[in-house]
Amino acid sequence: MTDGPLSLPARLCLLAWDSARPTAAGTGHLAGLVRAGALTELAQRGLLTDEDGIATPVDLDARAGDAVLDGLLELVHESCPHSWRTWVTLRARVTLDAVREQLVAGGYLRAEKKRVLGVFPSVDYALERVTAVDALREETRQVLQGPPLAIEPSERDAALVALAAAAELLPEKDVRVHEQRVEELTERAGATAPGLWKIVREVRTAVTAESTAPARP
């Protein structure tokens, strides 16, 4: 994909933006979605594994080399044991804030500082690279529709589409038409290691539940 070097949570964050309204993100459940992407990528990299339904670091000294992923890995290590579904929402804003900072540094977003009620400092984010998001959305659509010449997408691209579909970021009519394809991509996202498909499915189920729940501020 066009923004391949970007992590899965970073690409999900961008995909949630409506490029026609670059001053506002496109979902009220962005934190949970971004956290789900980070959990999935850590599992795909072999840095998190499943132990009786609990997200568990494989090696306490291992690092992903990405500030967002390493921050989450450290948080999981230092916290009480939790299930994958719990981690999708637990302190998810921490991961979202880290992803936004990363995207600002990369020139994808613009941070605009303000004060709420004239007193409390806050930050709004605006989409800076609209064409990059449009390209990402088109490439995601192509993966959803099916591989040309039987070329399968990477596990990370498959996870991007599966999680985006669960979060209702893709056109509903496209998801309905390609419902079986979404299931295939979910399986593909967890194909790199035994048991990984279970993790991907757990995280995707949590995203689906989060996307249908009332949005939190």
C-alpha atoms as a PDB file:
ATOM      1  CA  MET A   1       0.000   0.000   0.000  1.00  0.00           C
ATOM      2  CA  THR A   2       1.004   3.619  -0.478  1.00  0.00           C
ATOM      3  CA  ASP A   3       1.777   4.262   3.187  1.00  0.00           C
ATOM      4  CA  GLY A   4       3.323   0.866   3.870  1.00  0.00           C
ATOM      5  CA  PRO A   5       5.963   2.157   6.340  1.00  0.00           C
ATOM      6  CA  LEU A   6       3.189   3.464   8.569  1.00  0.00           C
ATOM      7  CA  SER A   7       2.087   1.119  11.333  1.00  0.00           C
ATOM      8  CA  LEU A   8      -1.315  -0.544  11.265  1.00  0.00           C
ATOM      9  CA  PRO A   9      -2.735   1.731  14.002  1.00  0.00           C
ATOM     10  CA  ALA A  10      -1.466   4.814  12.149  1.00  0.00           C
ATOM     11  CA  ARG A  11      -3.125   3.714   8.911  1.00  0.00           C
ATOM     12  CA  LEU A  12      -6.388   2.949  10.709  1.00  0.00           C
ATOM     13  CA  CYS A  13      -6.278   6.418  12.242  1.00  0.00           C
ATOM     14  CA  LEU A  14      -5.890   7.993   8.801  1.00  0.00           C
ATOM     15  CA  LEU A  15      -8.564   5.786   7.278  1.00  0.00           C
ATOM     16  CA  ALA A  16     -11.036   7.071   9.869  1.00  0.00           C
ATOM     17  CA  TRP A  17     -10.743  10.598   8.496  1.00  0.00           C
ATOM     18  CA  ASP A  18     -13.261  11.908   5.999  1.00  0.00           C
ATOM     19  CA  SER A  19     -11.058  13.694   3.480  1.00  0.00           C
ATOM     20  CA  ALA A  20     -14.043  15.870   2.522  1.00  0.00           C
ATOM     21  CA  ARG A  21     -14.051  17.209   6.113  1.00  0.00           C
ATOM     22  CA  PRO A  22     -10.335  17.311   6.986  1.00  0.00           C
ATOM     23  CA  THR A  23     -10.883  19.176  10.263  1.00  0.00           C
ATOM     24  CA  ALA A  24     -12.730  16.305  11.968  1.00  0.00           C
ATOM     25  CA  ALA A  25     -12.075  12.593  12.427  1.00  0.00           C
ATOM     26  CA  GLY A  26     -14.695  10.299  10.984  1.00  0.00           C
ATOM     27  CA  THR A  27     -15.558   8.117  14.019  1.00  0.00           C
ATOM     28  CA  GLY A  28     -16.415   8.528  17.683  1.00  0.00           C
ATOM     29  CA  HIS A  29     -14.686   5.242  18.498  1.00  0.00           C
ATOM     30  CA  LEU A  30     -11.293   6.058  17.065  1.00  0.00           C
ATOM     31  CA  ALA A  31      -9.320   5.270  20.223  1.00  0.00           C
ATOM     32  CA  GLY A  32     -10.577   1.678  20.393  1.00  0.00           C
ATOM     33  CA  LEU A  33      -9.961   1.110  16.703  1.00  0.00           C
ATOM     34  CA  VAL A  34      -6.409   2.448  16.853  1.00  0.00           C
ATOM     35  CA  ARG A  35      -5.688   0.348  19.956  1.00  0.00           C
ATOM     36  CA  ALA A  36      -7.045  -2.736  18.136  1.00  0.00           C
ATOM     37  CA  GLY A  37      -4.638  -2.067  15.284  1.00  0.00           C
ATOM     38  CA  ALA A  38      -1.710  -1.786  17.683  1.00  0.00           C
ATOM     39  CA  LEU A  39      -2.620  -5.038  19.452  1.00  0.00           C
ATOM     40  CA  THR A  40      -2.954  -6.823  16.122  1.00  0.00           C
ATOM     41  CA  GLU A  41       0.379  -5.614  14.814  1.00  0.00           C
ATOM     42  CA  LEU A  42       2.170  -6.579  18.026  1.00  0.00           C
ATOM     43  CA  ALA A  43       0.628 -10.042  17.767  1.00  0.00           C
ATOM     44  CA  GLN A  44       1.577 -10.323  14.075  1.00  0.00           C
ATOM     45  CA  ARG A  45       5.158  -9.378  14.950  1.00  0.00           C
ATOM     46  CA  GLY A  46       5.253 -12.069  17.612  1.00  0.00           C
ATOM     47  CA  LEU A  47       5.680  -9.588  20.468  1.00  0.00           C
ATOM     48  CA  LEU A  48       2.325 -10.344  22.092  1.00  0.00           C
ATOM     49  CA  THR A  49       0.873 -13.814  22.401  1.00  0.00           C
ATOM     50  CA  ASP A  50      -2.277 -15.382  23.800  1.00  0.00           C
ATOM     51  CA  GLU A  51      -2.156 -17.283  27.083  1.00  0.00           C
ATOM     52  CA  ASP A  52      -5.610 -18.578  28.012  1.00  0.00           C
ATOM     53  CA  GLY A  53      -7.238 -15.501  26.499  1.00  0.00           C
ATOM     54  CA  ILE A  54      -4.773 -13.041  28.083  1.00  0.00           C
ATOM     55  CA  ALA A  55      -2.604 -10.696  25.993  1.00  0.00           C
ATOM     56  CA  THR A  56       0.931 -11.531  27.130  1.00  0.00           C
ATOM     57  CA  PRO A  57       4.344 -10.114  26.117  1.00  0.00           C
ATOM     58  CA  VAL A  58       6.560 -12.838  24.662  1.00  0.00           C
ATOM     59  CA  ASP A  59       9.887 -11.290  25.640  1.00  0.00           C
ATOM     60  CA  LEU A  60      10.095  -8.530  28.228  1.00  0.00           C
ATOM     61  CA  ASP A  61      13.163  -7.077  26.526  1.00  0.00           C
ATOM     62  CA  ALA A  62      11.865  -7.191  22.933  1.00  0.00           C
ATOM     63  CA  ARG A  63      10.895  -3.984  21.145  1.00  0.00           C
ATOM     64  CA  ALA A  64       9.070  -3.189  17.903  1.00  0.00           C
ATOM     65  CA  GLY A  65      11.154  -0.137  17.013  1.00  0.00           C
ATOM     66  CA  ASP A  66       7.998   1.979  16.792  1.00  0.00           C
ATOM     67  CA  ALA A  67       7.163   4.448  19.572  1.00  0.00           C
ATOM     68  CA  VAL A  68       3.428   3.694  19.531  1.00  0.00           C
ATOM     69  CA  LEU A  69       3.800  -0.084  19.548  1.00  0.00           C
ATOM     70  CA  ASP A  70       6.578  -0.046  22.133  1.00  0.00           C
ATOM     71  CA  GLY A  71       4.492   2.225  24.366  1.00  0.00           C
ATOM     72  CA  LEU A  72       1.613  -0.242  24.305  1.00  0.00           C
ATOM     73  CA  LEU A  73       3.957  -3.182  24.838  1.00  0.00           C
ATOM     74  CA  GLU A  74       5.334  -1.492  27.948  1.00  0.00           C
ATOM     75  CA  LEU A  75       1.820  -0.703  29.188  1.00  0.00           C
ATOM     76  CA  VAL A  76       0.744  -4.348  28.832  1.00  0.00           C
ATOM     77  CA  HIS A  77       3.900  -5.493  30.607  1.00  0.00           C
ATOM     78  CA  GLU A  78       3.427  -3.126  33.554  1.00  0.00           C
ATOM     79  CA  SER A  79      -0.326  -3.707  33.985  1.00  0.00           C
ATOM     80  CA  CYS A  80      -2.409  -6.482  35.498  1.00  0.00           C
ATOM     81  CA  PRO A  81      -3.267  -9.269  33.043  1.00  0.00           C
ATOM     82  CA  HIS A  82      -6.213  -8.476  30.760  1.00  0.00           C
ATOM     83  CA  SER A  83      -8.004 -10.101  27.857  1.00  0.00           C
ATOM     84  CA  TRP A  84      -7.611  -8.860  24.278  1.00  0.00           C
ATOM     85  CA  ARG A  85     -11.098  -7.375  24.317  1.00  0.00           C
ATOM     86  CA  THR A  86     -10.362  -5.447  27.505  1.00  0.00           C
ATOM     87  CA  TRP A  87      -7.164  -4.024  26.031  1.00  0.00           C
ATOM     88  CA  VAL A  88      -9.051  -2.681  22.993  1.00  0.00           C
ATOM     89  CA  THR A  89     -10.637  -0.024  25.217  1.00  0.00           C
ATOM     90  CA  LEU A  90      -8.547   0.101  28.417  1.00  0.00           C
ATOM     91  CA  ARG A  91      -6.646   3.410  28.433  1.00  0.00           C
ATOM     92  CA  ALA A  92      -6.951   3.394  24.638  1.00  0.00           C
ATOM     93  CA  ARG A  93      -6.659   7.190  24.478  1.00  0.00           C
ATOM     94  CA  VAL A  94      -2.970   6.825  25.387  1.00  0.00           C
ATOM     95  CA  THR A  95      -2.330   4.927  22.146  1.00  0.00           C
ATOM     96  CA  LEU A  96      -4.486   7.301  20.094  1.00  0.00           C
ATOM     97  CA  ASP A  97      -2.603  10.350  21.377  1.00  0.00           C
ATOM     98  CA  ALA A  98       0.731   8.680  20.569  1.00  0.00           C
ATOM     99  CA  VAL A  99      -0.430   7.828  17.040  1.00  0.00           C
ATOM    100  CA  ARG A 100      -1.634  11.379  16.442  1.00  0.00           C
ATOM    101  CA  GLU A 101       1.714  12.768  17.585  1.00  0.00           C
ATOM    102  CA  GLN A 102       3.444  10.368  15.210  1.00  0.00           C
ATOM    103  CA  LEU A 103       1.235  11.441  12.302  1.00  0.00           C
ATOM    104  CA  VAL A 104       1.830  15.116  13.085  1.00  0.00           C
ATOM    105  CA  ALA A 105       5.588  14.486  13.028  1.00  0.00           C
ATOM    106  CA  GLY A 106       5.198  12.733   9.664  1.00  0.00           C
ATOM    107  CA  GLY A 107       3.214  15.595   8.175  1.00  0.00           C
ATOM    108  CA  TYR A 108      -0.054  13.663   7.846  1.00  0.00           C
ATOM    109  CA  LEU A 109      -1.921  15.679  10.499  1.00  0.00           C
ATOM    110  CA  ARG A 110      -1.681  19.231  11.773  1.00  0.00           C
ATOM    111  CA  ALA A 111      -2.012  19.970  15.488  1.00  0.00           C
ATOM    112  CA  GLU A 112      -3.947  23.098  16.415  1.00  0.00           C
ATOM    113  CA  LYS A 113      -3.719  24.136  20.050  1.00  0.00           C
ATOM    114  CA  LYS A 114      -6.720  25.789  21.722  1.00  0.00           C
ATOM    115  CA  ARG A 115      -8.223  26.419  25.152  1.00  0.00           C
ATOM    116  CA  VAL A 116     -11.551  24.999  26.257  1.00  0.00           C
ATOM    117  CA  LEU A 117     -13.670  27.646  28.015  1.00  0.00           C
ATOM    118  CA  GLY A 118     -10.675  29.895  27.573  1.00  0.00           C
ATOM    119  CA  VAL A 119      -8.815  28.041  30.336  1.00  0.00           C
ATOM    120  CA  PHE A 120      -8.085  24.366  29.730  1.00  0.00           C
ATOM    121  CA  PRO A 121      -5.464  23.594  27.068  1.00  0.00           C
ATOM    122  CA  SER A 122      -6.540  21.214  24.321  1.00  0.00           C
ATOM    123  CA  VAL A 123      -5.472  20.152  20.827  1.00  0.00           C
ATOM    124  CA  ASP A 124      -7.519  19.752  17.650  1.00  0.00           C
ATOM    125  CA  TYR A 125      -6.143  17.784  14.726  1.00  0.00           C
ATOM    126  CA  ALA A 126      -6.639  18.542  11.049  1.00  0.00           C
ATOM    127  CA  LEU A 127      -5.825  16.337   8.095  1.00  0.00           C
ATOM    128  CA  GLU A 128      -2.813  17.708   6.240  1.00  0.00           C
ATOM    129  CA  ARG A 129      -2.243  15.099   3.499  1.00  0.00           C
ATOM    130  CA  VAL A 130      -5.682  14.599   1.991  1.00  0.00           C
ATOM    131  CA  THR A 131      -4.359  12.844  -1.118  1.00  0.00           C
ATOM    132  CA  ALA A 132      -2.552  10.251   1.008  1.00  0.00           C
ATOM    133  CA  VAL A 133      -5.792   9.352   2.779  1.00  0.00           C
ATOM    134  CA  ASP A 134      -7.691   9.180  -0.517  1.00  0.00           C
ATOM    135  CA  ALA A 135      -5.023   6.823  -1.907  1.00  0.00           C
ATOM    136  CA  LEU A 136      -5.120   4.682   1.240  1.00  0.00           C
ATOM    137  CA  ARG A 137      -8.904   4.439   1.028  1.00  0.00           C
ATOM    138  CA  GLU A 138      -8.765   3.388  -2.646  1.00  0.00           C
ATOM    139  CA  GLU A 139      -6.124   0.741  -1.989  1.00  0.00           C
ATOM    140  CA  THR A 140      -8.158  -0.568   0.933  1.00  0.00           C
ATOM    141  CA  ARG A 141     -11.157  -0.863  -1.378  1.00  0.00           C
ATOM    142  CA  GLN A 142      -9.072  -2.843  -3.870  1.00  0.00           C
ATOM    143  CA  VAL A 143      -7.967  -5.287  -1.175  1.00  0.00           C
ATOM    144  CA  LEU A 144     -11.606  -5.713  -0.121  1.00  0.00           C
ATOM    145  CA  GLN A 145     -12.732  -6.454  -3.663  1.00  0.00           C
ATOM    146  CA  GLY A 146     -10.185  -9.208  -4.143  1.00  0.00           C
ATOM    147  CA  PRO A 147      -6.593  -9.827  -5.238  1.00  0.00           C
ATOM    148  CA  PRO A 148      -5.640  -9.369  -8.905  1.00  0.00           C
ATOM    149  CA  LEU A 149      -3.964 -12.400 -10.470  1.00  0.00           C
ATOM    150  CA  ALA A 150      -4.368 -14.370  -7.227  1.00  0.00           C
ATOM    151  CA  ILE A 151      -1.864 -12.162  -5.377  1.00  0.00           C
ATOM    152  CA  GLU A 152      -2.855 -12.168  -1.721  1.00  0.00           C
ATOM    153  CA  PRO A 153      -2.350  -9.031   0.408  1.00  0.00           C
ATOM    154  CA  SER A 154       0.096  -8.984   3.300  1.00  0.00           C
ATOM    155  CA  GLU A 155      -1.157  -9.985   6.740  1.00  0.00           C
ATOM    156  CA  ARG A 156      -1.050  -6.337   7.840  1.00  0.00           C
ATOM    157  CA  ASP A 157      -3.066  -5.144   4.826  1.00  0.00           C
ATOM    158  CA  ALA A 158      -5.583  -7.913   5.465  1.00  0.00           C
ATOM    159  CA  ALA A 159      -5.903  -6.791   9.095  1.00  0.00           C
ATOM    160  CA  LEU A 160      -6.398  -3.182   7.979  1.00  0.00           C
ATOM    161  CA  VAL A 161      -9.428  -4.119   5.883  1.00  0.00           C
ATOM    162  CA  ALA A 162     -10.869  -6.545   8.463  1.00  0.00           C
ATOM    163  CA  LEU A 163     -10.663  -3.994  11.288  1.00  0.00           C
ATOM    164  CA  ALA A 164     -11.877  -1.112   9.096  1.00  0.00           C
ATOM    165  CA  ALA A 165     -14.907  -3.178   8.101  1.00  0.00           C
ATOM    166  CA  ALA A 166     -15.612  -4.024  11.756  1.00  0.00           C
ATOM    167  CA  ALA A 167     -15.440  -0.317  12.656  1.00  0.00           C
ATOM    168  CA  GLU A 168     -17.806   0.582   9.798  1.00  0.00           C
ATOM    169  CA  LEU A 169     -15.199   2.726   8.048  1.00  0.00           C
ATOM    170  CA  LEU A 170     -15.849   1.117   4.670  1.00  0.00           C
ATOM    171  CA  PRO A 171     -18.970   1.677   2.533  1.00  0.00           C
ATOM    172  CA  GLU A 172     -21.717  -0.575   3.891  1.00  0.00           C
ATOM    173  CA  LYS A 173     -22.734  -1.743   0.421  1.00  0.00           C
ATOM    174  CA  ASP A 174     -19.169  -2.829  -0.361  1.00  0.00           C
ATOM    175  CA  VAL A 175     -18.894  -4.788   2.896  1.00  0.00           C
ATOM    176  CA  ARG A 176     -22.232  -6.519   2.261  1.00  0.00           C
ATOM    177  CA  VAL A 177     -21.197  -7.523  -1.259  1.00  0.00           C
ATOM    178  CA  HIS A 178     -17.797  -8.769  -0.089  1.00  0.00           C
ATOM    179  CA  GLU A 179     -18.827 -10.215   3.286  1.00  0.00           C
ATOM    180  CA  GLN A 180     -17.109 -13.533   2.571  1.00  0.00           C
ATOM    181  CA  ARG A 181     -13.984 -11.647   1.509  1.00  0.00           C
ATOM    182  CA  VAL A 182     -13.891  -9.877   4.889  1.00  0.00           C
ATOM    183  CA  GLU A 183     -13.933 -13.256   6.610  1.00  0.00           C
ATOM    184  CA  GLU A 184     -11.130 -14.477   4.354  1.00  0.00           C
ATOM    185  CA  LEU A 185      -9.075 -11.372   5.156  1.00  0.00           C
ATOM    186  CA  THR A 186      -9.623 -11.933   8.875  1.00  0.00           C
ATOM    187  CA  GLU A 187      -8.177 -15.417   8.463  1.00  0.00           C
ATOM    188  CA  ARG A 188      -5.349 -14.048   6.317  1.00  0.00           C
ATOM    189  CA  ALA A 189      -4.474 -11.466   8.996  1.00  0.00           C
ATOM    190  CA  GLY A 190      -3.848 -14.286  11.453  1.00  0.00           C
ATOM    191  CA  ALA A 191      -2.002 -16.654   9.131  1.00  0.00           C
ATOM    192  CA  THR A 192       1.570 -15.951  10.251  1.00  0.00           C
ATOM    193  CA  ALA A 193       1.553 -18.072  13.409  1.00  0.00           C
ATOM    194  CA  PRO A 194      -0.555 -20.773  15.100  1.00  0.00           C
ATOM    195  CA  GLY A 195      -3.322 -19.231  17.191  1.00  0.00           C
ATOM    196  CA  LEU A 196      -2.885 -15.742  15.718  1.00  0.00           C
ATOM    197  CA  TRP A 197      -6.211 -15.968  13.869  1.00  0.00           C
ATOM    198  CA  LYS A 198      -7.948 -16.300  17.244  1.00  0.00           C
ATOM    199  CA  ILE A 199      -6.322 -13.083  18.463  1.00  0.00           C
ATOM    200  CA  VAL A 200      -7.301 -11.195  15.313  1.00  0.00           C
ATOM    201  CA  ARG A 201     -10.881 -12.429  15.576  1.00  0.00           C
ATOM    202  CA  GLU A 202     -11.100 -11.469  19.266  1.00  0.00           C
ATOM    203  CA  VAL A 203      -9.822  -7.965  18.544  1.00  0.00           C
ATOM    204  CA  ARG A 204     -12.110  -7.585  15.536  1.00  0.00           C
ATOM    205  CA  THR A 205     -15.125  -8.673  17.614  1.00  0.00           C
ATOM    206  CA  ALA A 206     -14.237  -6.047  20.228  1.00  0.00           C
ATOM    207  CA  VAL A 207     -14.036  -3.363  17.527  1.00  0.00           C
ATOM    208  CA  THR A 208     -17.466  -4.356  16.201  1.00  0.00           C
ATOM    209  CA  ALA A 209     -18.953  -4.079  19.696  1.00  0.00           C
ATOM    210  CA  GLU A 210     -17.230  -0.739  20.269  1.00  0.00           C
ATOM    211  CA  SER A 211     -18.460   0.710  16.963  1.00  0.00           C
ATOM    212  CA  THR A 212     -22.100  -0.023  17.824  1.00  0.00           C
ATOM    213  CA  ALA A 213     -21.892   1.319  21.364  1.00  0.00           C
ATOM    214  CA  PRO A 214     -22.707   4.976  22.206  1.00  0.00           C
ATOM    215  CA  ALA A 215     -19.722   7.176  21.396  1.00  0.00           C
ATOM    216  CA  ARG A 216     -17.690   8.448  24.338  1.00  0.00           C
ATOM    217  CA  PRO A 217     -16.395  12.030  24.379  1.00  0.00           C
END
